Amino acid sequence: MIYVIATINIKPGSAASVFEAATPCVKATRKETGCISYELTQSMDDENVLIFVERWESYDNLKNHFNEPHMLLWREKGAQFILDRNIEIITPESVKQL
C-alpha cells in the first residue's frame, strides 16, 4: 500500500474556492483503479493549509493518477491559489518527497 500526504499552502481567504475547484477531482479520483481512499482536509490550526491524504494499492496506480484528466484539470484550476506544496509518498520501504 502507498500513502500520500500532500500539504498545500494556499492564498489567504481562498479555501472555499480551492475546495470548489478540487471537489470534482476528489470525487473522480475515488473511482480510479487502485484508489483506496482520497481525502482533502483543512488544518485545524491554519485555514490556509490544506492536506490531501491518499491511499493507493500500488505506486503504478498512483503514477497513473497524475495523468488523469480530472487531475490535470485540478492542477490547472488550483494553481492560482497555491503558494507552495509538499508531497510525501510513503511506502513500506521508504518515504519520498516530490
PDB file of N, CA and C in Angstrom:
ATOM      1  N   MET A   1       0.851  -1.176   0.000  1.00  0.00           N
ATOM      2  CA  MET A   1       0.000   0.000   0.000  1.00  0.00           C
ATOM      3  C   MET A   1       0.895   1.238   0.000  1.00  0.00           C
ATOM      4  N   ILE A   2       0.451   2.260  -0.708  1.00  0.00           N
ATOM      5  CA  ILE A   2       1.153   3.537  -0.814  1.00  0.00           C
ATOM      6  C   ILE A   2       0.296   4.605  -0.138  1.00  0.00           C
ATOM      7  N   TYR A   3       0.941   5.419   0.689  1.00  0.00           N
ATOM      8  CA  TYR A   3       0.274   6.571   1.291  1.00  0.00           C
ATOM      9  C   TYR A   3       0.855   7.838   0.679  1.00  0.00           C
ATOM     10  N   VAL A   4       0.006   8.828   0.477  1.00  0.00           N
ATOM     11  CA  VAL A   4       0.464  10.137   0.013  1.00  0.00           C
ATOM     12  C   VAL A   4      -0.110  11.178   0.963  1.00  0.00           C
ATOM     13  N   ILE A   5       0.764  12.049   1.435  1.00  0.00           N
ATOM     14  CA  ILE A   5       0.349  13.195   2.236  1.00  0.00           C
ATOM     15  C   ILE A   5       0.816  14.431   1.463  1.00  0.00           C
ATOM     16  N   ALA A   6      -0.126  15.158   0.908  1.00  0.00           N
ATOM     17  CA  ALA A   6       0.192  16.359   0.130  1.00  0.00           C
ATOM     18  C   ALA A   6      -0.329  17.570   0.893  1.00  0.00           C
ATOM     19  N   THR A   7       0.592  18.385   1.364  1.00  0.00           N
ATOM     20  CA  THR A   7       0.243  19.579   2.123  1.00  0.00           C
ATOM     21  C   THR A   7       0.406  20.786   1.216  1.00  0.00           C
ATOM     22  N   ILE A   8      -0.662  21.578   1.097  1.00  0.00           N
ATOM     23  CA  ILE A   8      -0.575  22.767   0.255  1.00  0.00           C
ATOM     24  C   ILE A   8      -0.887  24.009   1.088  1.00  0.00           C
ATOM     25  N   ASN A   9      -0.086  25.023   0.867  1.00  0.00           N
ATOM     26  CA  ASN A   9      -0.328  26.333   1.470  1.00  0.00           C
ATOM     27  C   ASN A   9      -1.004  27.180   0.411  1.00  0.00           C
ATOM     28  N   ILE A  10      -2.151  27.727   0.763  1.00  0.00           N
ATOM     29  CA  ILE A  10      -2.944  28.469  -0.211  1.00  0.00           C
ATOM     30  C   ILE A  10      -3.003  29.952   0.153  1.00  0.00           C
ATOM     31  N   LYS A  11      -3.412  30.749  -0.809  1.00  0.00           N
ATOM     32  CA  LYS A  11      -3.561  32.186  -0.576  1.00  0.00           C
ATOM     33  C   LYS A  11      -4.610  32.415   0.514  1.00  0.00           C
ATOM     34  N   PRO A  12      -4.346  33.343   1.409  1.00  0.00           N
ATOM     35  CA  PRO A  12      -5.317  33.632   2.471  1.00  0.00           C
ATOM     36  C   PRO A  12      -6.707  33.928   1.908  1.00  0.00           C
ATOM     37  N   GLY A  13      -7.696  33.321   2.547  1.00  0.00           N
ATOM     38  CA  GLY A  13      -9.087  33.557   2.166  1.00  0.00           C
ATOM     39  C   GLY A  13      -9.569  32.766   0.965  1.00  0.00           C
ATOM     40  N   SER A  14      -8.755  31.859   0.437  1.00  0.00           N
ATOM     41  CA  SER A  14      -9.150  31.145  -0.777  1.00  0.00           C
ATOM     42  C   SER A  14      -9.623  29.710  -0.542  1.00  0.00           C
ATOM     43  N   ALA A  15      -9.742  29.299   0.701  1.00  0.00           N
ATOM     44  CA  ALA A  15     -10.073  27.894   0.990  1.00  0.00           C
ATOM     45  C   ALA A  15     -11.369  27.444   0.312  1.00  0.00           C
ATOM     46  N   ALA A  16     -12.410  28.243   0.376  1.00  0.00           N
ATOM     47  CA  ALA A  16     -13.688  27.841  -0.240  1.00  0.00           C
ATOM     48  C   ALA A  16     -13.519  27.648  -1.746  1.00  0.00           C
ATOM     49  N   SER A  17     -12.770  28.517  -2.385  1.00  0.00           N
ATOM     50  CA  SER A  17     -12.529  28.400  -3.827  1.00  0.00           C
ATOM     51  C   SER A  17     -11.698  27.158  -4.154  1.00  0.00           C
ATOM     52  N   VAL A  18     -10.743  26.856  -3.306  1.00  0.00           N
ATOM     53  CA  VAL A  18      -9.915  25.669  -3.529  1.00  0.00           C
ATOM     54  C   VAL A  18     -10.759  24.406  -3.385  1.00  0.00           C
ATOM     55  N   PHE A  19     -11.568  24.335  -2.346  1.00  0.00           N
ATOM     56  CA  PHE A  19     -12.435  23.163  -2.175  1.00  0.00           C
ATOM     57  C   PHE A  19     -13.380  23.018  -3.369  1.00  0.00           C
ATOM     58  N   GLU A  20     -13.900  24.118  -3.852  1.00  0.00           N
ATOM     59  CA  GLU A  20     -14.799  24.069  -5.014  1.00  0.00           C
ATOM     60  C   GLU A  20     -14.061  23.548  -6.247  1.00  0.00           C
ATOM     61  N   ALA A  21     -12.842  24.023  -6.457  1.00  0.00           N
ATOM     62  CA  ALA A  21     -12.057  23.580  -7.610  1.00  0.00           C
ATOM     63  C   ALA A  21     -11.612  22.125  -7.477  1.00  0.00           C
ATOM     64  N   ALA A  22     -11.337  21.683  -6.251  1.00  0.00           N
ATOM     65  CA  ALA A  22     -10.809  20.339  -6.027  1.00  0.00           C
ATOM     66  C   ALA A  22     -11.877  19.257  -5.953  1.00  0.00           C
ATOM     67  N   THR A  23     -13.093  19.605  -5.600  1.00  0.00           N
ATOM     68  CA  THR A  23     -14.140  18.604  -5.381  1.00  0.00           C
ATOM     69  C   THR A  23     -14.358  17.665  -6.561  1.00  0.00           C
ATOM     70  N   PRO A  24     -14.443  18.149  -7.806  1.00  0.00           N
ATOM     71  CA  PRO A  24     -14.611  17.191  -8.917  1.00  0.00           C
ATOM     72  C   PRO A  24     -13.447  16.203  -9.019  1.00  0.00           C
ATOM     73  N   CYS A  25     -12.233  16.669  -8.750  1.00  0.00           N
ATOM     74  CA  CYS A  25     -11.064  15.789  -8.783  1.00  0.00           C
ATOM     75  C   CYS A  25     -11.144  14.751  -7.674  1.00  0.00           C
ATOM     76  N   VAL A  26     -11.519  15.171  -6.483  1.00  0.00           N
ATOM     77  CA  VAL A  26     -11.627  14.249  -5.355  1.00  0.00           C
ATOM     78  C   VAL A  26     -12.644  13.151  -5.678  1.00  0.00           C
ATOM     79  N   LYS A  27     -13.789  13.539  -6.163  1.00  0.00           N
ATOM     80  CA  LYS A  27     -14.839  12.555  -6.474  1.00  0.00           C
ATOM     81  C   LYS A  27     -14.409  11.582  -7.562  1.00  0.00           C
ATOM     82  N   ALA A  28     -13.783  12.104  -8.618  1.00  0.00           N
ATOM     83  CA  ALA A  28     -13.344  11.236  -9.718  1.00  0.00           C
ATOM     84  C   ALA A  28     -12.192  10.333  -9.288  1.00  0.00           C
ATOM     85  N   THR A  29     -11.288  10.862  -8.489  1.00  0.00           N
ATOM     86  CA  THR A  29     -10.144  10.072  -8.037  1.00  0.00           C
ATOM     87  C   THR A  29     -10.600   8.876  -7.222  1.00  0.00           C
ATOM     88  N   ARG A  30     -11.602   9.040  -6.402  1.00  0.00           N
ATOM     89  CA  ARG A  30     -12.094   7.937  -5.572  1.00  0.00           C
ATOM     90  C   ARG A  30     -12.585   6.760  -6.412  1.00  0.00           C
ATOM     91  N   LYS A  31     -12.877   6.994  -7.694  1.00  0.00           N
ATOM     92  CA  LYS A  31     -13.341   5.944  -8.601  1.00  0.00           C
ATOM     93  C   LYS A  31     -12.206   5.314  -9.410  1.00  0.00           C
ATOM     94  N   GLU A  32     -10.998   5.845  -9.275  1.00  0.00           N
ATOM     95  CA  GLU A  32      -9.867   5.339 -10.048  1.00  0.00           C
ATOM     96  C   GLU A  32      -9.453   3.944  -9.581  1.00  0.00           C
ATOM     97  N   THR A  33      -8.935   3.175 -10.520  1.00  0.00           N
ATOM     98  CA  THR A  33      -8.385   1.873 -10.199  1.00  0.00           C
ATOM     99  C   THR A  33      -7.247   2.032  -9.199  1.00  0.00           C
ATOM    100  N   GLY A  34      -7.308   1.286  -8.132  1.00  0.00           N
ATOM    101  CA  GLY A  34      -6.240   1.291  -7.145  1.00  0.00           C
ATOM    102  C   GLY A  34      -6.360   2.329  -6.058  1.00  0.00           C
ATOM    103  N   CYS A  35      -7.346   3.210  -6.135  1.00  0.00           N
ATOM    104  CA  CYS A  35      -7.532   4.216  -5.086  1.00  0.00           C
ATOM    105  C   CYS A  35      -8.301   3.571  -3.928  1.00  0.00           C
ATOM    106  N   ILE A  36      -7.671   3.551  -2.770  1.00  0.00           N
ATOM    107  CA  ILE A  36      -8.313   3.010  -1.573  1.00  0.00           C
ATOM    108  C   ILE A  36      -9.063   4.115  -0.847  1.00  0.00           C
ATOM    109  N   SER A  37      -8.423   5.279  -0.727  1.00  0.00           N
ATOM    110  CA  SER A  37      -9.093   6.440  -0.133  1.00  0.00           C
ATOM    111  C   SER A  37      -8.394   7.706  -0.606  1.00  0.00           C
ATOM    112  N   TYR A  38      -9.154   8.797  -0.624  1.00  0.00           N
ATOM    113  CA  TYR A  38      -8.641  10.075  -1.118  1.00  0.00           C
ATOM    114  C   TYR A  38      -9.446  11.176  -0.435  1.00  0.00           C
ATOM    115  N   GLU A  39      -8.801  11.908   0.458  1.00  0.00           N
ATOM    116  CA  GLU A  39      -9.493  12.921   1.256  1.00  0.00           C
ATOM    117  C   GLU A  39      -8.770  14.256   1.166  1.00  0.00           C
ATOM    118  N   LEU A  40      -9.520  15.326   1.165  1.00  0.00           N
ATOM    119  CA  LEU A  40      -8.972  16.680   1.260  1.00  0.00           C
ATOM    120  C   LEU A  40      -9.475  17.276   2.562  1.00  0.00           C
ATOM    121  N   THR A  41      -8.530  17.679   3.410  1.00  0.00           N
ATOM    122  CA  THR A  41      -8.883  18.233   4.708  1.00  0.00           C
ATOM    123  C   THR A  41      -8.210  19.587   4.899  1.00  0.00           C
ATOM    124  N   GLN A  42      -8.692  20.314   5.876  1.00  0.00           N
ATOM    125  CA  GLN A  42      -8.144  21.626   6.211  1.00  0.00           C
ATOM    126  C   GLN A  42      -7.492  21.543   7.585  1.00  0.00           C
ATOM    127  N   SER A  43      -6.343  22.170   7.726  1.00  0.00           N
ATOM    128  CA  SER A  43      -5.657  22.175   9.011  1.00  0.00           C
ATOM    129  C   SER A  43      -6.547  22.786  10.087  1.00  0.00           C
ATOM    130  N   MET A  44      -6.464  22.228  11.272  1.00  0.00           N
ATOM    131  CA  MET A  44      -7.224  22.775  12.400  1.00  0.00           C
ATOM    132  C   MET A  44      -6.553  24.037  12.942  1.00  0.00           C
ATOM    133  N   ASP A  45      -5.269  24.206  12.639  1.00  0.00           N
ATOM    134  CA  ASP A  45      -4.510  25.331  13.174  1.00  0.00           C
ATOM    135  C   ASP A  45      -4.361  26.496  12.205  1.00  0.00           C
ATOM    136  N   ASP A  46      -4.491  26.214  10.903  1.00  0.00           N
ATOM    137  CA  ASP A  46      -4.256  27.255   9.896  1.00  0.00           C
ATOM    138  C   ASP A  46      -5.202  27.022   8.722  1.00  0.00           C
ATOM    139  N   GLU A  47      -6.160  27.896   8.547  1.00  0.00           N
ATOM    140  CA  GLU A  47      -7.164  27.713   7.487  1.00  0.00           C
ATOM    141  C   GLU A  47      -6.573  27.781   6.085  1.00  0.00           C
ATOM    142  N   ASN A  48      -5.337  28.230   5.968  1.00  0.00           N
ATOM    143  CA  ASN A  48      -4.683  28.343   4.670  1.00  0.00           C
ATOM    144  C   ASN A  48      -3.768  27.161   4.372  1.00  0.00           C
ATOM    145  N   VAL A  49      -3.908  26.105   5.153  1.00  0.00           N
ATOM    146  CA  VAL A  49      -3.167  24.871   4.915  1.00  0.00           C
ATOM    147  C   VAL A  49      -4.183  23.755   4.681  1.00  0.00           C
ATOM    148  N   LEU A  50      -4.081  23.136   3.511  1.00  0.00           N
ATOM    149  CA  LEU A  50      -4.961  22.024   3.160  1.00  0.00           C
ATOM    150  C   LEU A  50      -4.103  20.787   2.963  1.00  0.00           C
ATOM    151  N   ILE A  51      -4.670  19.633   3.277  1.00  0.00           N
ATOM    152  CA  ILE A  51      -3.924  18.391   3.222  1.00  0.00           C
ATOM    153  C   ILE A  51      -4.732  17.332   2.471  1.00  0.00           C
ATOM    154  N   PHE A  52      -4.112  16.787   1.435  1.00  0.00           N
ATOM    155  CA  PHE A  52      -4.657  15.611   0.771  1.00  0.00           C
ATOM    156  C   PHE A  52      -4.052  14.396   1.459  1.00  0.00           C
ATOM    157  N   VAL A  53      -4.899  13.452   1.868  1.00  0.00           N
ATOM    158  CA  VAL A  53      -4.449  12.195   2.452  1.00  0.00           C
ATOM    159  C   VAL A  53      -4.975  11.093   1.544  1.00  0.00           C
ATOM    160  N   GLU A  54      -4.042  10.342   0.969  1.00  0.00           N
ATOM    161  CA  GLU A  54      -4.402   9.354  -0.046  1.00  0.00           C
ATOM    162  C   GLU A  54      -3.825   7.986   0.311  1.00  0.00           C
ATOM    163  N   ARG A  55      -4.551   6.943  -0.105  1.00  0.00           N
ATOM    164  CA  ARG A  55      -4.040   5.574  -0.002  1.00  0.00           C
ATOM    165  C   ARG A  55      -4.264   4.895  -1.351  1.00  0.00           C
ATOM    166  N   TRP A  56      -3.208   4.270  -1.845  1.00  0.00           N
ATOM    167  CA  TRP A  56      -3.231   3.608  -3.149  1.00  0.00           C
ATOM    168  C   TRP A  56      -2.761   2.172  -3.018  1.00  0.00           C
ATOM    169  N   GLU A  57      -3.292   1.300  -3.864  1.00  0.00           N
ATOM    170  CA  GLU A  57      -2.882  -0.101  -3.852  1.00  0.00           C
ATOM    171  C   GLU A  57      -1.433  -0.266  -4.297  1.00  0.00           C
ATOM    172  N   SER A  58      -0.989   0.556  -5.259  1.00  0.00           N
ATOM    173  CA  SER A  58       0.373   0.412  -5.780  1.00  0.00           C
ATOM    174  C   SER A  58       0.891   1.759  -6.278  1.00  0.00           C
ATOM    175  N   TYR A  59       2.199   1.807  -6.450  1.00  0.00           N
ATOM    176  CA  TYR A  59       2.829   3.017  -6.983  1.00  0.00           C
ATOM    177  C   TYR A  59       2.410   3.230  -8.437  1.00  0.00           C
ATOM    178  N   ASP A  60       2.202   2.158  -9.186  1.00  0.00           N
ATOM    179  CA  ASP A  60       1.738   2.292 -10.568  1.00  0.00           C
ATOM    180  C   ASP A  60       0.363   2.957 -10.623  1.00  0.00           C
ATOM    181  N   ASN A  61      -0.534   2.592  -9.708  1.00  0.00           N
ATOM    182  CA  ASN A  61      -1.850   3.250  -9.649  1.00  0.00           C
ATOM    183  C   ASN A  61      -1.689   4.742  -9.376  1.00  0.00           C
ATOM    184  N   LEU A  62      -0.800   5.084  -8.468  1.00  0.00           N
ATOM    185  CA  LEU A  62      -0.549   6.488  -8.145  1.00  0.00           C
ATOM    186  C   LEU A  62       0.012   7.228  -9.353  1.00  0.00           C
ATOM    187  N   LYS A  63       0.977   6.639 -10.043  1.00  0.00           N
ATOM    188  CA  LYS A  63       1.557   7.287 -11.231  1.00  0.00           C
ATOM    189  C   LYS A  63       0.484   7.533 -12.287  1.00  0.00           C
ATOM    190  N   ASN A  64      -0.407   6.568 -12.480  1.00  0.00           N
ATOM    191  CA  ASN A  64      -1.496   6.753 -13.452  1.00  0.00           C
ATOM    192  C   ASN A  64      -2.399   7.910 -13.051  1.00  0.00           C
ATOM    193  N   HIS A  65      -2.619   8.062 -11.760  1.00  0.00           N
ATOM    194  CA  HIS A  65      -3.462   9.144 -11.235  1.00  0.00           C
ATOM    195  C   HIS A  65      -2.969  10.511 -11.685  1.00  0.00           C
ATOM    196  N   PHE A  66      -1.659  10.704 -11.717  1.00  0.00           N
ATOM    197  CA  PHE A  66      -1.094  12.011 -12.063  1.00  0.00           C
ATOM    198  C   PHE A  66      -1.451  12.464 -13.478  1.00  0.00           C
ATOM    199  N   ASN A  67      -1.827  11.526 -14.347  1.00  0.00           N
ATOM    200  CA  ASN A  67      -2.145  11.870 -15.740  1.00  0.00           C
ATOM    201  C   ASN A  67      -3.627  11.798 -16.075  1.00  0.00           C
ATOM    202  N   GLU A  68      -4.461  11.555 -15.081  1.00  0.00           N
ATOM    203  CA  GLU A  68      -5.913  11.506 -15.311  1.00  0.00           C
ATOM    204  C   GLU A  68      -6.422  12.908 -15.663  1.00  0.00           C
ATOM    205  N   PRO A  69      -7.404  13.000 -16.561  1.00  0.00           N
ATOM    206  CA  PRO A  69      -7.928  14.309 -16.959  1.00  0.00           C
ATOM    207  C   PRO A  69      -8.405  15.167 -15.778  1.00  0.00           C
ATOM    208  N   HIS A  70      -9.066  14.555 -14.795  1.00  0.00           N
ATOM    209  CA  HIS A  70      -9.555  15.334 -13.652  1.00  0.00           C
ATOM    210  C   HIS A  70      -8.401  15.857 -12.803  1.00  0.00           C
ATOM    211  N   MET A  71      -7.289  15.135 -12.771  1.00  0.00           N
ATOM    212  CA  MET A  71      -6.120  15.603 -12.023  1.00  0.00           C
ATOM    213  C   MET A  71      -5.456  16.768 -12.756  1.00  0.00           C
ATOM    214  N   LEU A  72      -5.347  16.654 -14.067  1.00  0.00           N
ATOM    215  CA  LEU A  72      -4.765  17.738 -14.857  1.00  0.00           C
ATOM    216  C   LEU A  72      -5.615  19.003 -14.757  1.00  0.00           C
ATOM    217  N   LEU A  73      -6.938  18.843 -14.761  1.00  0.00           N
ATOM    218  CA  LEU A  73      -7.830  19.996 -14.623  1.00  0.00           C
ATOM    219  C   LEU A  73      -7.692  20.624 -13.245  1.00  0.00           C
ATOM    220  N   TRP A  74      -7.604  19.809 -12.188  1.00  0.00           N
ATOM    221  CA  TRP A  74      -7.415  20.334 -10.827  1.00  0.00           C
ATOM    222  C   TRP A  74      -6.113  21.129 -10.752  1.00  0.00           C
ATOM    223  N   ARG A  75      -5.042  20.593 -11.328  1.00  0.00           N
ATOM    224  CA  ARG A  75      -3.762  21.319 -11.306  1.00  0.00           C
ATOM    225  C   ARG A  75      -3.900  22.687 -11.964  1.00  0.00           C
ATOM    226  N   GLU A  76      -4.619  22.718 -13.078  1.00  0.00           N
ATOM    227  CA  GLU A  76      -4.812  23.985 -13.797  1.00  0.00           C
ATOM    228  C   GLU A  76      -5.645  24.973 -12.972  1.00  0.00           C
ATOM    229  N   LYS A  77      -6.770  24.508 -12.438  1.00  0.00           N
ATOM    230  CA  LYS A  77      -7.656  25.387 -11.669  1.00  0.00           C
ATOM    231  C   LYS A  77      -7.087  25.759 -10.309  1.00  0.00           C
ATOM    232  N   GLY A  78      -6.390  24.827  -9.670  1.00  0.00           N
ATOM    233  CA  GLY A  78      -5.866  25.067  -8.337  1.00  0.00           C
ATOM    234  C   GLY A  78      -4.612  25.921  -8.303  1.00  0.00           C
ATOM    235  N   ALA A  79      -3.878  25.961  -9.398  1.00  0.00           N
ATOM    236  CA  ALA A  79      -2.582  26.657  -9.426  1.00  0.00           C
ATOM    237  C   ALA A  79      -2.679  28.110  -8.977  1.00  0.00           C
ATOM    238  N   GLN A  80      -3.761  28.776  -9.308  1.00  0.00           N
ATOM    239  CA  GLN A  80      -3.900  30.188  -8.965  1.00  0.00           C
ATOM    240  C   GLN A  80      -3.997  30.436  -7.461  1.00  0.00           C
ATOM    241  N   PHE A  81      -4.305  29.395  -6.687  1.00  0.00           N
ATOM    242  CA  PHE A  81      -4.485  29.541  -5.246  1.00  0.00           C
ATOM    243  C   PHE A  81      -3.307  29.024  -4.411  1.00  0.00           C
ATOM    244  N   ILE A  82      -2.477  28.201  -5.014  1.00  0.00           N
ATOM    245  CA  ILE A  82      -1.427  27.506  -4.265  1.00  0.00           C
ATOM    246  C   ILE A  82      -0.149  28.344  -4.192  1.00  0.00           C
ATOM    247  N   LEU A  83       0.309  28.555  -2.958  1.00  0.00           N
ATOM    248  CA  LEU A  83       1.559  29.281  -2.740  1.00  0.00           C
ATOM    249  C   LEU A  83       2.747  28.325  -2.756  1.00  0.00           C
ATOM    250  N   ASP A  84       2.618  27.187  -2.098  1.00  0.00           N
ATOM    251  CA  ASP A  84       3.628  26.135  -2.144  1.00  0.00           C
ATOM    252  C   ASP A  84       3.010  24.827  -1.685  1.00  0.00           C
ATOM    253  N   ARG A  85       3.783  23.755  -1.878  1.00  0.00           N
ATOM    254  CA  ARG A  85       3.262  22.439  -1.523  1.00  0.00           C
ATOM    255  C   ARG A  85       4.407  21.509  -1.137  1.00  0.00           C
ATOM    256  N   ASN A  86       4.055  20.496  -0.382  1.00  0.00           N
ATOM    257  CA  ASN A  86       4.984  19.445  -0.001  1.00  0.00           C
ATOM    258  C   ASN A  86       4.246  18.118  -0.161  1.00  0.00           C
ATOM    259  N   ILE A  87       4.823  17.216  -0.950  1.00  0.00           N
ATOM    260  CA  ILE A  87       4.174  15.936  -1.201  1.00  0.00           C
ATOM    261  C   ILE A  87       5.094  14.831  -0.714  1.00  0.00           C
ATOM    262  N   GLU A  88       4.570  14.014   0.200  1.00  0.00           N
ATOM    263  CA  GLU A  88       5.316  12.869   0.712  1.00  0.00           C
ATOM    264  C   GLU A  88       4.633  11.593   0.248  1.00  0.00           C
ATOM    265  N   ILE A  89       5.432  10.672  -0.283  1.00  0.00           N
ATOM    266  CA  ILE A  89       4.939   9.367  -0.689  1.00  0.00           C
ATOM    267  C   ILE A  89       5.553   8.362   0.268  1.00  0.00           C
ATOM    268  N   ILE A  90       4.703   7.640   0.964  1.00  0.00           N
ATOM    269  CA  ILE A  90       5.151   6.714   1.991  1.00  0.00           C
ATOM    270  C   ILE A  90       4.842   5.292   1.530  1.00  0.00           C
ATOM    271  N   THR A  91       5.899   4.502   1.420  1.00  0.00           N
ATOM    272  CA  THR A  91       5.764   3.097   1.048  1.00  0.00           C
ATOM    273  C   THR A  91       6.259   2.258   2.229  1.00  0.00           C
ATOM    274  N   PRO A  92       6.039   0.961   2.177  1.00  0.00           N
ATOM    275  CA  PRO A  92       6.582   0.133   3.264  1.00  0.00           C
ATOM    276  C   PRO A  92       8.106   0.242   3.379  1.00  0.00           C
ATOM    277  N   GLU A  93       8.750   0.600   2.261  1.00  0.00           N
ATOM    278  CA  GLU A  93      10.210   0.647   2.240  1.00  0.00           C
ATOM    279  C   GLU A  93      10.791   2.012   2.586  1.00  0.00           C
ATOM    280  N   SER A  94      10.061   3.099   2.254  1.00  0.00           N
ATOM    281  CA  SER A  94      10.679   4.415   2.391  1.00  0.00           C
ATOM    282  C   SER A  94       9.658   5.535   2.354  1.00  0.00           C
ATOM    283  N   VAL A  95      10.166   6.739   2.589  1.00  0.00           N
ATOM    284  CA  VAL A  95       9.392   7.957   2.437  1.00  0.00           C
ATOM    285  C   VAL A  95      10.083   8.780   1.359  1.00  0.00           C
ATOM    286  N   LYS A  96       9.331   9.205   0.350  1.00  0.00           N
ATOM    287  CA  LYS A  96       9.890  10.012  -0.738  1.00  0.00           C
ATOM    288  C   LYS A  96       9.194  11.352  -0.762  1.00  0.00           C
ATOM    289  N   GLN A  97       9.928  12.379  -1.127  1.00  0.00           N
ATOM    290  CA  GLN A  97       9.323  13.697  -1.300  1.00  0.00           C
ATOM    291  C   GLN A  97       9.412  14.075  -2.764  1.00  0.00           C
ATOM    292  N   LEU A  98       8.323  14.619  -3.302  1.00  0.00           N
ATOM    293  CA  LEU A  98       8.300  15.102  -4.685  1.00  0.00           C
ATOM    294  C   LEU A  98       8.638  16.564  -4.716  1.00  0.00           C
TER     295      LEU A  98
END
